[in-house]
Amino acid sequence: MLIQTKNCNFLIEGSAEQTGCVLIKANSQEELQRFFGSSLIKYTGNSDYPFEVFACKQEFANALILMVKEIEYSDFDFETLVTA
């Protein structure tokens, strides 16, 4: 799953290592820290998603709720999204 916010791009993958967990990769260490502060953030060196963290699905769901609450549409321009 890909999630793009104003501050960060996230790539979420199922975890083969831990059942009930996901691997969250991101291009911003600060945003991972903000959403998953209690978890260990690793530097991967990947150019697109250089940081990653393991989180249980419940912790990930809580982070998604925070992301949705931060959605701001005051600058939303529908005209630029419509293609003819």
Protein backbone atom coordinates (compact mmCIF):
# COMPACT_ATOMS: atom_id res chain seq x y z
CA MET A 1 0.00 0.00 0.00
CA LEU A 2 1.26 3.47 -0.84
CA ILE A 3 0.24 6.49 1.21
CA GLN A 4 1.29 10.00 0.32
CA THR A 5 0.87 12.86 2.76
CA LYS A 6 1.94 16.47 2.54
CA ASN A 7 5.14 15.63 4.42
CA CYS A 8 6.01 12.06 3.52
CA ASN A 9 5.58 9.05 1.24
CA PHE A 10 4.92 5.73 2.96
CA LEU A 11 5.18 2.21 1.55
CA ILE A 12 3.45 -0.42 3.69
CA GLU A 13 4.23 -4.11 3.29
CA GLY A 14 3.14 -7.20 5.15
CA SER A 15 5.78 -8.52 7.52
CA ALA A 16 7.13 -11.98 6.79
CA GLU A 17 9.05 -11.83 10.08
CA GLN A 18 6.23 -11.03 12.49
CA THR A 19 2.59 -12.13 12.23
CA GLY A 20 0.13 -9.28 12.78
CA CYS A 21 2.72 -6.64 11.92
CA VAL A 22 3.56 -4.47 8.94
CA LEU A 23 6.78 -2.98 7.65
CA ILE A 24 6.42 0.73 7.03
CA LYS A 25 9.00 2.35 4.78
CA ALA A 26 9.20 6.13 4.40
CA ASN A 27 11.20 8.95 2.96
CA SER A 28 11.03 10.96 6.21
CA GLN A 29 12.52 9.83 9.48
CA GLU A 30 10.72 12.66 11.29
CA GLU A 31 7.30 11.49 10.13
CA LEU A 32 8.02 7.89 11.15
CA GLN A 33 9.12 9.20 14.54
CA ARG A 34 5.96 11.27 14.85
CA PHE A 35 3.62 8.36 14.04
CA PHE A 36 5.62 5.43 15.48
CA GLY A 37 7.77 7.10 18.13
CA SER A 38 8.05 4.08 20.39
CA SER A 39 9.35 1.82 17.61
CA LEU A 40 12.91 1.40 16.37
CA ILE A 41 13.46 3.26 13.09
CA LYS A 42 16.13 1.76 10.86
CA TYR A 43 18.08 3.48 8.10
CA THR A 44 18.04 1.29 4.97
CA GLY A 45 19.98 3.36 2.46
CA ASN A 46 17.21 2.88 -0.12
CA SER A 47 16.99 6.05 -2.21
CA ASP A 48 13.16 6.11 -2.36
CA TYR A 49 12.34 4.94 1.17
CA PRO A 50 15.49 5.25 3.31
CA PHE A 51 13.78 4.63 6.67
CA GLU A 52 11.67 1.77 7.95
CA VAL A 53 9.91 0.60 11.07
CA PHE A 54 8.00 -2.52 12.14
CA ALA A 55 4.62 -1.89 13.78
CA CYS A 56 1.70 -4.03 14.82
CA LYS A 57 -1.42 -3.57 12.73
CA GLN A 58 -3.22 -1.82 15.61
CA GLU A 59 -0.42 0.75 15.95
CA PHE A 60 -0.52 1.25 12.17
CA ALA A 61 -4.32 1.71 12.31
CA ASN A 62 -3.88 4.37 14.99
CA ALA A 63 -1.34 6.18 12.80
CA LEU A 64 -3.79 6.06 9.86
CA ILE A 65 -6.46 7.67 12.01
CA LEU A 66 -4.06 10.51 12.84
CA MET A 67 -3.21 10.93 9.15
CA VAL A 68 -6.88 11.16 8.20
CA LYS A 69 -7.53 13.72 10.94
CA GLU A 70 -4.75 15.89 9.48
CA ILE A 71 -6.31 16.05 6.00
CA GLU A 72 -6.78 19.68 5.01
CA TYR A 73 -8.78 20.51 1.90
CA SER A 74 -8.69 24.30 2.12
CA ASP A 75 -6.14 24.43 -0.71
CA PHE A 76 -7.77 21.66 -2.74
CA ASP A 77 -8.17 22.48 -6.43
CA PHE A 78 -10.53 19.98 -8.05
CA GLU A 79 -10.04 21.54 -11.49
CA THR A 80 -6.39 20.37 -11.65
CA LEU A 81 -7.41 16.76 -10.99
CA VAL A 82 -10.06 16.53 -13.69
CA THR A 83 -8.77 15.39 -17.06
CA ALA A 84 -10.79 15.57 -20.24
